[in-house]
C-alpha cells in the first residue's frame, strides 16, 4: 500500500500548518539515516515522524527510538507502519513545548546521550534548533532536514548575504555541515522548495567561549536587528549609550562603521565579552 493509499484509507488530509511533506523512497530514507555516526547501543529521538518511514530506517540502526509527533490524526498510519518494530516508542506532543532531555531520560535512562533526527517545517526550524542547542545538554548530534535556503543561512560565512544572527548562534554552539540536498519531487506532497540535510554536532568543549552566553546572545541579536545599519547604530538596541558602544567597539578592535554580517563568531564573542566586563549590559 502506498503512502497516498494509507492517507486515503484513514481519510487524512495533510495540513500545511504542520509542514507535512513525507519521503517514501527507501534509498533516500536510508541515506538520511546514515548521516548519523551510529555506534552500538545508540538511542535516538525523532521529531516529526509523520508516516513513520524515516522512523523505520532509524530503528534499524538504533537500539531504541522515541518519536514525537504533533498530529494525532496520523496515529493509525504510524500504528500500521511501526507495528513490527519493538524498539520504537511513539509520543504525541509539541516538540517545542517538550523538555526533550527529560523525555529521553524517561525512555533511555537519566544520563543517556541521544541522537536527534528531524524533518523540520520552516516555521519551527529556528526555534527548535535553538531549543535543542540551548536547553538539551544530552544531544550528541543532530541530523535535520530543512529548506535549502535555511541550510544556506545556517552554513553561511561572514560577509555573505545569508549570514545572520541564527548563523552565528548555531556556529558558536556546534560544528555544522551540509550533508546533501533533497529535491522537492522526493516528497509527498511535493513542497514548493528544495531541501537539504544538515549534520550538527554540539561542542562538548567550545573552541570559542563567551564570558556570558546570555550577553553573547543579546549582542548578536542587537547587531542583526537592523542589518542595513552600522554597528554603532544597530547596537543601540542594547540600551547602552553611544559613548559606551563606541568605547566597547574600540576595545574589541572593531571599526564602528562595520555591519553585523562582516563579523566572525570570534568577533562577536570578543565584543560581547567587552560589553559584559564593562557592565554596559547585564
C-alpha atoms as a PDB file:
ATOM      1  CA  UNK A   1       0.000   0.000   0.000  1.00  0.00           C
ATOM      2  CA  UNK A   2       1.397   3.399  -0.960  1.00  0.00           C
ATOM      3  CA  UNK A   3       1.540   6.358   1.408  1.00  0.00           C
ATOM      4  CA  UNK A   4      -1.237   8.083  -0.543  1.00  0.00           C
ATOM      5  CA  UNK A   5      -3.358   4.955  -0.240  1.00  0.00           C
ATOM      6  CA  UNK A   6      -2.809   4.883   3.512  1.00  0.00           C
ATOM      7  CA  UNK A   7      -3.799   8.516   3.887  1.00  0.00           C
ATOM      8  CA  UNK A   8      -6.938   7.962   1.831  1.00  0.00           C
ATOM      9  CA  UNK A   9      -7.786   4.825   3.785  1.00  0.00           C
ATOM     10  CA  UNK A  10      -7.753   6.761   7.053  1.00  0.00           C
ATOM     11  CA  UNK A  11      -9.265   9.900   5.498  1.00  0.00           C
ATOM     12  CA  UNK A  12      -6.300  12.045   6.451  1.00  0.00           C
ATOM     13  CA  UNK A  13      -5.759  15.353   4.670  1.00  0.00           C
ATOM     14  CA  UNK A  14      -2.211  16.595   5.209  1.00  0.00           C
ATOM     15  CA  UNK A  15      -2.075  20.045   6.770  1.00  0.00           C
ATOM     16  CA  UNK A  16       0.226  22.780   5.556  1.00  0.00           C
ATOM     17  CA  UNK A  17       0.477  24.279   9.054  1.00  0.00           C
ATOM     18  CA  UNK A  18       2.398  21.184  10.186  1.00  0.00           C
ATOM     19  CA  UNK A  19       4.714  21.214   7.171  1.00  0.00           C
ATOM     20  CA  UNK A  20       3.649  17.687   6.294  1.00  0.00           C
ATOM     21  CA  UNK A  21       5.752  16.541   3.348  1.00  0.00           C
ATOM     22  CA  UNK A  22       6.740  12.877   3.604  1.00  0.00           C
ATOM     23  CA  UNK A  23       9.504  10.871   1.917  1.00  0.00           C
ATOM     24  CA  UNK A  24       8.741   7.334   0.807  1.00  0.00           C
ATOM     25  CA  UNK A  25      11.845   6.493  -1.303  1.00  0.00           C
ATOM     26  CA  UNK A  26      13.607   3.732   0.724  1.00  0.00           C
ATOM     27  CA  UNK A  27      17.059   4.512  -0.694  1.00  0.00           C
ATOM     28  CA  UNK A  28      16.782   8.185   0.266  1.00  0.00           C
ATOM     29  CA  UNK A  29      15.499   7.324   3.743  1.00  0.00           C
ATOM     30  CA  UNK A  30      18.492   5.021   4.258  1.00  0.00           C
ATOM     31  CA  UNK A  31      20.853   7.750   3.079  1.00  0.00           C
ATOM     32  CA  UNK A  32      19.376  10.268   5.528  1.00  0.00           C
ATOM     33  CA  UNK A  33      19.610   7.827   8.437  1.00  0.00           C
ATOM     34  CA  UNK A  34      23.220   7.056   7.549  1.00  0.00           C
ATOM     35  CA  UNK A  35      24.282  10.673   8.101  1.00  0.00           C
ATOM     36  CA  UNK A  36      24.347   9.915  11.831  1.00  0.00           C
ATOM     37  CA  UNK A  37      27.523   8.368  13.179  1.00  0.00           C
ATOM     38  CA  UNK A  38      25.877   5.245  14.605  1.00  0.00           C
ATOM     39  CA  UNK A  39      27.600   3.162  17.269  1.00  0.00           C
ATOM     40  CA  UNK A  40      26.408   0.034  19.069  1.00  0.00           C
ATOM     41  CA  UNK A  41      23.863   0.858  21.762  1.00  0.00           C
ATOM     42  CA  UNK A  42      22.979   4.311  20.376  1.00  0.00           C
ATOM     43  CA  UNK A  43      19.493   5.689  21.064  1.00  0.00           C
ATOM     44  CA  UNK A  44      17.603   8.314  19.084  1.00  0.00           C
ATOM     45  CA  UNK A  45      14.809  10.821  19.392  1.00  0.00           C
ATOM     46  CA  UNK A  46      12.934  11.652  16.181  1.00  0.00           C
ATOM     47  CA  UNK A  47      10.885  14.815  15.866  1.00  0.00           C
ATOM     48  CA  UNK A  48       8.015  14.681  13.388  1.00  0.00           C
ATOM     49  CA  UNK A  49       7.926  11.043  12.268  1.00  0.00           C
ATOM     50  CA  UNK A  50       4.927  11.790  10.050  1.00  0.00           C
ATOM     51  CA  UNK A  51       4.064   8.472   8.437  1.00  0.00           C
ATOM     52  CA  UNK A  52       6.973   6.674  10.134  1.00  0.00           C
ATOM     53  CA  UNK A  53       9.024   5.949   7.018  1.00  0.00           C
ATOM     54  CA  UNK A  54      12.217   7.579   8.300  1.00  0.00           C
ATOM     55  CA  UNK A  55      11.493   6.100  11.737  1.00  0.00           C
ATOM     56  CA  UNK A  56      11.862   2.639  10.223  1.00  0.00           C
ATOM     57  CA  UNK A  57      15.331   3.464   8.900  1.00  0.00           C
ATOM     58  CA  UNK A  58      16.404   4.960  12.244  1.00  0.00           C
ATOM     59  CA  UNK A  59      15.055   1.961  14.165  1.00  0.00           C
ATOM     60  CA  UNK A  60      17.210  -0.357  12.070  1.00  0.00           C
ATOM     61  CA  UNK A  61      20.311   1.442  13.366  1.00  0.00           C
ATOM     62  CA  UNK A  62      19.411   2.498  16.922  1.00  0.00           C
ATOM     63  CA  UNK A  63      18.883   0.362  19.981  1.00  0.00           C
ATOM     64  CA  UNK A  64      15.775   2.367  20.857  1.00  0.00           C
ATOM     65  CA  UNK A  65      13.872   5.240  19.246  1.00  0.00           C
ATOM     66  CA  UNK A  66      11.396   7.707  20.706  1.00  0.00           C
ATOM     67  CA  UNK A  67       9.360   9.510  18.034  1.00  0.00           C
ATOM     68  CA  UNK A  68       7.399  12.639  18.976  1.00  0.00           C
ATOM     69  CA  UNK A  69       4.581  13.660  16.625  1.00  0.00           C
ATOM     70  CA  UNK A  70       2.308  16.692  16.932  1.00  0.00           C
ATOM     71  CA  UNK A  71      -0.551  15.440  14.711  1.00  0.00           C
ATOM     72  CA  UNK A  72      -2.627  12.774  16.485  1.00  0.00           C
ATOM     73  CA  UNK A  73      -4.572  12.115  13.265  1.00  0.00           C
ATOM     74  CA  UNK A  74      -1.531  10.202  11.994  1.00  0.00           C
ATOM     75  CA  UNK A  75      -1.840   7.618  14.785  1.00  0.00           C
ATOM     76  CA  UNK A  76      -3.402   4.868  12.587  1.00  0.00           C
ATOM     77  CA  UNK A  77      -0.803   5.343   9.826  1.00  0.00           C
ATOM     78  CA  UNK A  78       2.032   5.234  12.349  1.00  0.00           C
ATOM     79  CA  UNK A  79       0.499   2.188  14.029  1.00  0.00           C
ATOM     80  CA  UNK A  80       0.500   0.334  10.702  1.00  0.00           C
ATOM     81  CA  UNK A  81       3.994   1.364   9.625  1.00  0.00           C
ATOM     82  CA  UNK A  82       5.653   0.790  13.004  1.00  0.00           C
ATOM     83  CA  UNK A  83       3.719  -2.338  14.006  1.00  0.00           C
ATOM     84  CA  UNK A  84       6.671  -4.673  13.500  1.00  0.00           C
ATOM     85  CA  UNK A  85       9.170  -2.526  15.422  1.00  0.00           C
ATOM     86  CA  UNK A  86       9.524  -3.353  19.100  1.00  0.00           C
ATOM     87  CA  UNK A  87      12.219  -0.737  19.727  1.00  0.00           C
ATOM     88  CA  UNK A  88      10.112   2.350  18.898  1.00  0.00           C
ATOM     89  CA  UNK A  89       8.061   4.376  21.391  1.00  0.00           C
ATOM     90  CA  UNK A  90       5.590   6.863  19.919  1.00  0.00           C
ATOM     91  CA  UNK A  91       4.715  10.031  21.843  1.00  0.00           C
ATOM     92  CA  UNK A  92       2.221  12.673  20.741  1.00  0.00           C
ATOM     93  CA  UNK A  93       3.111  16.239  21.626  1.00  0.00           C
ATOM     94  CA  UNK A  94       4.686  19.513  20.544  1.00  0.00           C
ATOM     95  CA  UNK A  95       8.481  19.233  20.475  1.00  0.00           C
ATOM     96  CA  UNK A  96       8.843  22.989  21.008  1.00  0.00           C
ATOM     97  CA  UNK A  97       6.982  22.691  24.312  1.00  0.00           C
ATOM     98  CA  UNK A  98       8.675  19.465  25.402  1.00  0.00           C
ATOM     99  CA  UNK A  99      11.694  19.032  27.652  1.00  0.00           C
ATOM    100  CA  UNK A 100      13.484  16.716  25.233  1.00  0.00           C
ATOM    101  CA  UNK A 101      16.214  15.735  27.686  1.00  0.00           C
ATOM    102  CA  UNK A 102      13.538  14.760  30.214  1.00  0.00           C
ATOM    103  CA  UNK A 103      11.676  12.761  27.556  1.00  0.00           C
ATOM    104  CA  UNK A 104      14.901  10.979  26.619  1.00  0.00           C
ATOM    105  CA  UNK A 105      15.703  10.292  30.283  1.00  0.00           C
ATOM    106  CA  UNK A 106      12.251   8.781  30.786  1.00  0.00           C
ATOM    107  CA  UNK A 107      12.774   6.300  27.949  1.00  0.00           C
ATOM    108  CA  UNK A 108      16.543   5.818  27.777  1.00  0.00           C
ATOM    109  CA  UNK A 109      17.785   6.496  31.321  1.00  0.00           C
ATOM    110  CA  UNK A 110      18.739   9.629  33.248  1.00  0.00           C
ATOM    111  CA  UNK A 111      22.241  10.177  31.878  1.00  0.00           C
ATOM    112  CA  UNK A 112      21.693   8.741  28.397  1.00  0.00           C
ATOM    113  CA  UNK A 113      23.039  10.713  25.467  1.00  0.00           C
ATOM    114  CA  UNK A 114      20.999  10.538  22.288  1.00  0.00           C
ATOM    115  CA  UNK A 115      20.892  11.430  18.635  1.00  0.00           C
ATOM    116  CA  UNK A 116      18.168  13.709  17.325  1.00  0.00           C
ATOM    117  CA  UNK A 117      16.727  13.321  13.821  1.00  0.00           C
ATOM    118  CA  UNK A 118      14.069  15.608  12.399  1.00  0.00           C
ATOM    119  CA  UNK A 119      12.344  16.691   9.195  1.00  0.00           C
ATOM    120  CA  UNK A 120      11.564  20.274  10.138  1.00  0.00           C
ATOM    121  CA  UNK A 121       8.853  22.507   8.676  1.00  0.00           C
ATOM    122  CA  UNK A 122      10.070  26.052   8.044  1.00  0.00           C
ATOM    123  CA  UNK A 123       8.109  27.712  10.830  1.00  0.00           C
ATOM    124  CA  UNK A 124       9.763  25.754  13.650  1.00  0.00           C
ATOM    125  CA  UNK A 125      13.289  25.355  12.244  1.00  0.00           C
ATOM    126  CA  UNK A 126      14.969  28.235  14.060  1.00  0.00           C
ATOM    127  CA  UNK A 127      13.126  27.949  17.402  1.00  0.00           C
ATOM    128  CA  UNK A 128      13.599  24.181  17.530  1.00  0.00           C
ATOM    129  CA  UNK A 129      17.315  24.309  16.722  1.00  0.00           C
ATOM    130  CA  UNK A 130      17.822  26.963  19.399  1.00  0.00           C
ATOM    131  CA  UNK A 131      15.674  24.959  21.848  1.00  0.00           C
ATOM    132  CA  UNK A 132      17.956  21.958  21.331  1.00  0.00           C
ATOM    133  CA  UNK A 133      21.256  23.873  21.437  1.00  0.00           C
ATOM    134  CA  UNK A 134      20.319  25.947  24.485  1.00  0.00           C
ATOM    135  CA  UNK A 135      18.216  23.524  26.523  1.00  0.00           C
ATOM    136  CA  UNK A 136      19.241  19.971  25.612  1.00  0.00           C
ATOM    137  CA  UNK A 137      22.556  19.021  27.188  1.00  0.00           C
ATOM    138  CA  UNK A 138      22.393  15.331  26.284  1.00  0.00           C
ATOM    139  CA  UNK A 139      22.145  15.567  22.481  1.00  0.00           C
ATOM    140  CA  UNK A 140      25.245  14.098  20.811  1.00  0.00           C
ATOM    141  CA  UNK A 141      24.376  15.011  17.235  1.00  0.00           C
ATOM    142  CA  UNK A 142      21.501  16.305  15.124  1.00  0.00           C
ATOM    143  CA  UNK A 143      20.522  15.272  11.618  1.00  0.00           C
ATOM    144  CA  UNK A 144      17.840  17.623  10.359  1.00  0.00           C
ATOM    145  CA  UNK A 145      16.100  18.238   7.080  1.00  0.00           C
ATOM    146  CA  UNK A 146      15.417  21.903   6.398  1.00  0.00           C
ATOM    147  CA  UNK A 147      14.526  24.087   3.455  1.00  0.00           C
ATOM    148  CA  UNK A 148      17.527  24.664   1.195  1.00  0.00           C
ATOM    149  CA  UNK A 149      17.593  28.395   1.893  1.00  0.00           C
ATOM    150  CA  UNK A 150      17.705  27.684   5.640  1.00  0.00           C
ATOM    151  CA  UNK A 151      20.647  25.329   5.116  1.00  0.00           C
ATOM    152  CA  UNK A 152      22.429  28.101   3.220  1.00  0.00           C
ATOM    153  CA  UNK A 153      21.771  30.514   6.072  1.00  0.00           C
ATOM    154  CA  UNK A 154      22.985  28.173   8.811  1.00  0.00           C
ATOM    155  CA  UNK A 155      26.207  27.277   6.987  1.00  0.00           C
ATOM    156  CA  UNK A 156      26.951  30.796   5.673  1.00  0.00           C
ATOM    157  CA  UNK A 157      30.283  32.527   6.145  1.00  0.00           C
ATOM    158  CA  UNK A 158      30.859  36.137   7.291  1.00  0.00           C
ATOM    159  CA  UNK A 159      30.246  38.662   4.556  1.00  0.00           C
ATOM    160  CA  UNK A 160      27.650  36.609   2.702  1.00  0.00           C
ATOM    161  CA  UNK A 161      24.088  37.752   2.095  1.00  0.00           C
ATOM    162  CA  UNK A 162      22.606  34.873   4.094  1.00  0.00           C
ATOM    163  CA  UNK A 163      24.832  35.308   7.165  1.00  0.00           C
ATOM    164  CA  UNK A 164      22.701  36.322  10.144  1.00  0.00           C
ATOM    165  CA  UNK A 165      22.043  36.002  13.862  1.00  0.00           C
ATOM    166  CA  UNK A 166      20.965  32.351  13.661  1.00  0.00           C
ATOM    167  CA  UNK A 167      24.159  31.565  11.704  1.00  0.00           C
ATOM    168  CA  UNK A 168      26.326  32.977  14.474  1.00  0.00           C
ATOM    169  CA  UNK A 169      24.322  31.287  17.251  1.00  0.00           C
ATOM    170  CA  UNK A 170      24.476  27.857  15.614  1.00  0.00           C
ATOM    171  CA  UNK A 171      28.134  28.048  14.613  1.00  0.00           C
ATOM    172  CA  UNK A 172      29.022  29.207  18.132  1.00  0.00           C
ATOM    173  CA  UNK A 173      27.336  26.143  19.631  1.00  0.00           C
ATOM    174  CA  UNK A 174      28.239  23.348  17.233  1.00  0.00           C
ATOM    175  CA  UNK A 175      30.026  22.008  14.195  1.00  0.00           C
ATOM    176  CA  UNK A 176      27.735  22.064  11.183  1.00  0.00           C
ATOM    177  CA  UNK A 177      27.970  20.609   7.706  1.00  0.00           C
ATOM    178  CA  UNK A 178      25.604  20.289   4.794  1.00  0.00           C
ATOM    179  CA  UNK A 179      25.397  16.564   4.072  1.00  0.00           C
ATOM    180  CA  UNK A 180      23.395  16.654   0.810  1.00  0.00           C
ATOM    181  CA  UNK A 181      20.404  18.255  -0.893  1.00  0.00           C
ATOM    182  CA  UNK A 182      16.970  16.706  -1.435  1.00  0.00           C
ATOM    183  CA  UNK A 183      14.833  17.774  -4.401  1.00  0.00           C
ATOM    184  CA  UNK A 184      11.191  18.680  -3.893  1.00  0.00           C
ATOM    185  CA  UNK A 185      10.000  15.761  -6.035  1.00  0.00           C
ATOM    186  CA  UNK A 186      11.191  13.305  -3.387  1.00  0.00           C
ATOM    187  CA  UNK A 187       8.278  14.322  -1.147  1.00  0.00           C
ATOM    188  CA  UNK A 188       4.589  13.511  -0.942  1.00  0.00           C
ATOM    189  CA  UNK A 189       3.064  16.008  -1.466  1.00  0.00           C
ATOM    190  CA  UNK A 190       5.827  17.917  -3.238  1.00  0.00           C
ATOM    191  CA  UNK A 191       6.691  21.201  -1.475  1.00  0.00           C
ATOM    192  CA  UNK A 192       7.400  24.413  -3.349  1.00  0.00           C
ATOM    193  CA  UNK A 193      11.105  24.422  -2.438  1.00  0.00           C
ATOM    194  CA  UNK A 194      14.064  22.042  -2.287  1.00  0.00           C
ATOM    195  CA  UNK A 195      15.513  20.832   1.000  1.00  0.00           C
ATOM    196  CA  UNK A 196      18.877  19.902   2.482  1.00  0.00           C
ATOM    197  CA  UNK A 197      20.157  17.560   5.167  1.00  0.00           C
ATOM    198  CA  UNK A 198      22.310  19.158   7.860  1.00  0.00           C
ATOM    199  CA  UNK A 199      24.549  17.377  10.349  1.00  0.00           C
ATOM    200  CA  UNK A 200      25.203  19.253  13.606  1.00  0.00           C
ATOM    201  CA  UNK A 201      27.467  18.212  16.484  1.00  0.00           C
ATOM    202  CA  UNK A 202      27.141  20.354  19.636  1.00  0.00           C
ATOM    203  CA  UNK A 203      30.588  21.164  21.004  1.00  0.00           C
ATOM    204  CA  UNK A 204      31.432  19.266  24.194  1.00  0.00           C
ATOM    205  CA  UNK A 205      34.016  21.980  24.850  1.00  0.00           C
ATOM    206  CA  UNK A 206      33.508  25.067  22.716  1.00  0.00           C
ATOM    207  CA  UNK A 207      36.643  26.250  20.891  1.00  0.00           C
ATOM    208  CA  UNK A 208      35.405  29.806  21.438  1.00  0.00           C
ATOM    209  CA  UNK A 209      33.619  30.502  24.737  1.00  0.00           C
ATOM    210  CA  UNK A 210      31.965  33.777  25.685  1.00  0.00           C
ATOM    211  CA  UNK A 211      32.301  35.084  29.220  1.00  0.00           C
ATOM    212  CA  UNK A 212      28.497  35.057  29.444  1.00  0.00           C
ATOM    213  CA  UNK A 213      26.241  33.260  26.960  1.00  0.00           C
ATOM    214  CA  UNK A 214      23.244  35.494  27.644  1.00  0.00           C
ATOM    215  CA  UNK A 215      25.309  38.600  26.906  1.00  0.00           C
ATOM    216  CA  UNK A 216      26.622  36.974  23.737  1.00  0.00           C
ATOM    217  CA  UNK A 217      23.079  36.253  22.513  1.00  0.00           C
ATOM    218  CA  UNK A 218      21.945  39.793  23.288  1.00  0.00           C
ATOM    219  CA  UNK A 219      24.841  41.363  21.386  1.00  0.00           C
ATOM    220  CA  UNK A 220      24.327  39.101  18.352  1.00  0.00           C
ATOM    221  CA  UNK A 221      20.580  39.762  18.213  1.00  0.00           C
ATOM    222  CA  UNK A 222      21.071  43.503  18.622  1.00  0.00           C
ATOM    223  CA  UNK A 223      23.763  43.651  15.943  1.00  0.00           C
ATOM    224  CA  UNK A 224      21.492  41.991  13.382  1.00  0.00           C
ATOM    225  CA  UNK A 225      18.306  43.783  14.470  1.00  0.00           C
ATOM    226  CA  UNK A 226      18.859  46.402  11.757  1.00  0.00           C
ATOM    227  CA  UNK A 227      21.026  44.754   9.132  1.00  0.00           C
ATOM    228  CA  UNK A 228      21.457  47.846   6.974  1.00  0.00           C
ATOM    229  CA  UNK A 229      22.786  49.942   9.819  1.00  0.00           C
ATOM    230  CA  UNK A 230      26.339  50.073  11.087  1.00  0.00           C
ATOM    231  CA  UNK A 231      27.190  48.507  14.431  1.00  0.00           C
ATOM    232  CA  UNK A 232      27.325  51.859  16.231  1.00  0.00           C
ATOM    233  CA  UNK A 233      23.637  52.289  15.338  1.00  0.00           C
ATOM    234  CA  UNK A 234      22.268  48.721  15.497  1.00  0.00           C
ATOM    235  CA  UNK A 235      23.844  48.090  18.920  1.00  0.00           C
ATOM    236  CA  UNK A 236      21.851  50.996  20.367  1.00  0.00           C
ATOM    237  CA  UNK A 237      19.048  48.488  20.997  1.00  0.00           C
ATOM    238  CA  UNK A 238      21.185  47.101  23.835  1.00  0.00           C
ATOM    239  CA  UNK A 239      20.293  50.197  25.822  1.00  0.00           C
ATOM    240  CA  UNK A 240      23.910  51.306  26.203  1.00  0.00           C
ATOM    241  CA  UNK A 241      24.905  54.915  25.497  1.00  0.00           C
ATOM    242  CA  UNK A 242      26.544  55.945  22.223  1.00  0.00           C
ATOM    243  CA  UNK A 243      29.790  56.593  24.072  1.00  0.00           C
ATOM    244  CA  UNK A 244      29.684  53.152  25.711  1.00  0.00           C
ATOM    245  CA  UNK A 245      29.066  51.472  22.360  1.00  0.00           C
ATOM    246  CA  UNK A 246      31.921  53.391  20.723  1.00  0.00           C
ATOM    247  CA  UNK A 247      34.258  52.521  23.597  1.00  0.00           C
ATOM    248  CA  UNK A 248      33.314  48.827  23.519  1.00  0.00           C
ATOM    249  CA  UNK A 249      33.840  48.576  19.763  1.00  0.00           C
ATOM    250  CA  UNK A 250      37.225  50.312  20.048  1.00  0.00           C
ATOM    251  CA  UNK A 251      38.317  47.994  22.879  1.00  0.00           C
ATOM    252  CA  UNK A 252      37.257  44.968  20.817  1.00  0.00           C
ATOM    253  CA  UNK A 253      39.234  46.255  17.839  1.00  0.00           C
ATOM    254  CA  UNK A 254      36.145  46.511  15.628  1.00  0.00           C
ATOM    255  CA  UNK A 255      35.540  49.594  13.483  1.00  0.00           C
ATOM    256  CA  UNK A 256      32.191  51.167  14.366  1.00  0.00           C
ATOM    257  CA  UNK A 257      31.348  51.598  10.691  1.00  0.00           C
ATOM    258  CA  UNK A 258      31.209  47.846  10.073  1.00  0.00           C
ATOM    259  CA  UNK A 259      27.955  45.923   9.741  1.00  0.00           C
ATOM    260  CA  UNK A 260      26.975  42.810  11.657  1.00  0.00           C
ATOM    261  CA  UNK A 261      27.289  40.408   8.717  1.00  0.00           C
ATOM    262  CA  UNK A 262      31.042  41.138   8.447  1.00  0.00           C
ATOM    263  CA  UNK A 263      31.834  39.888  11.965  1.00  0.00           C
ATOM    264  CA  UNK A 264      33.018  36.348  12.668  1.00  0.00           C
ATOM    265  CA  UNK A 265      31.849  34.268  15.627  1.00  0.00           C
ATOM    266  CA  UNK A 266      35.128  35.153  17.341  1.00  0.00           C
ATOM    267  CA  UNK A 267      34.456  38.867  16.752  1.00  0.00           C
ATOM    268  CA  UNK A 268      31.037  38.568  18.402  1.00  0.00           C
ATOM    269  CA  UNK A 269      32.499  36.716  21.389  1.00  0.00           C
ATOM    270  CA  UNK A 270      35.194  39.373  21.793  1.00  0.00           C
ATOM    271  CA  UNK A 271      32.661  42.188  21.549  1.00  0.00           C
ATOM    272  CA  UNK A 272      30.141  40.612  23.928  1.00  0.00           C
ATOM    273  CA  UNK A 273      32.930  39.933  26.459  1.00  0.00           C
ATOM    274  CA  UNK A 274      33.911  43.599  26.371  1.00  0.00           C
ATOM    275  CA  UNK A 275      30.311  44.724  26.923  1.00  0.00           C
ATOM    276  CA  UNK A 276      29.837  42.194  29.706  1.00  0.00           C
ATOM    277  CA  UNK A 277      33.052  43.017  31.552  1.00  0.00           C
ATOM    278  CA  UNK A 278      32.431  46.769  31.238  1.00  0.00           C
ATOM    279  CA  UNK A 279      28.992  46.258  32.755  1.00  0.00           C
ATOM    280  CA  UNK A 280      27.260  48.037  29.867  1.00  0.00           C
ATOM    281  CA  UNK A 281      24.785  45.161  29.554  1.00  0.00           C
ATOM    282  CA  UNK A 282      23.612  42.761  32.247  1.00  0.00           C
END
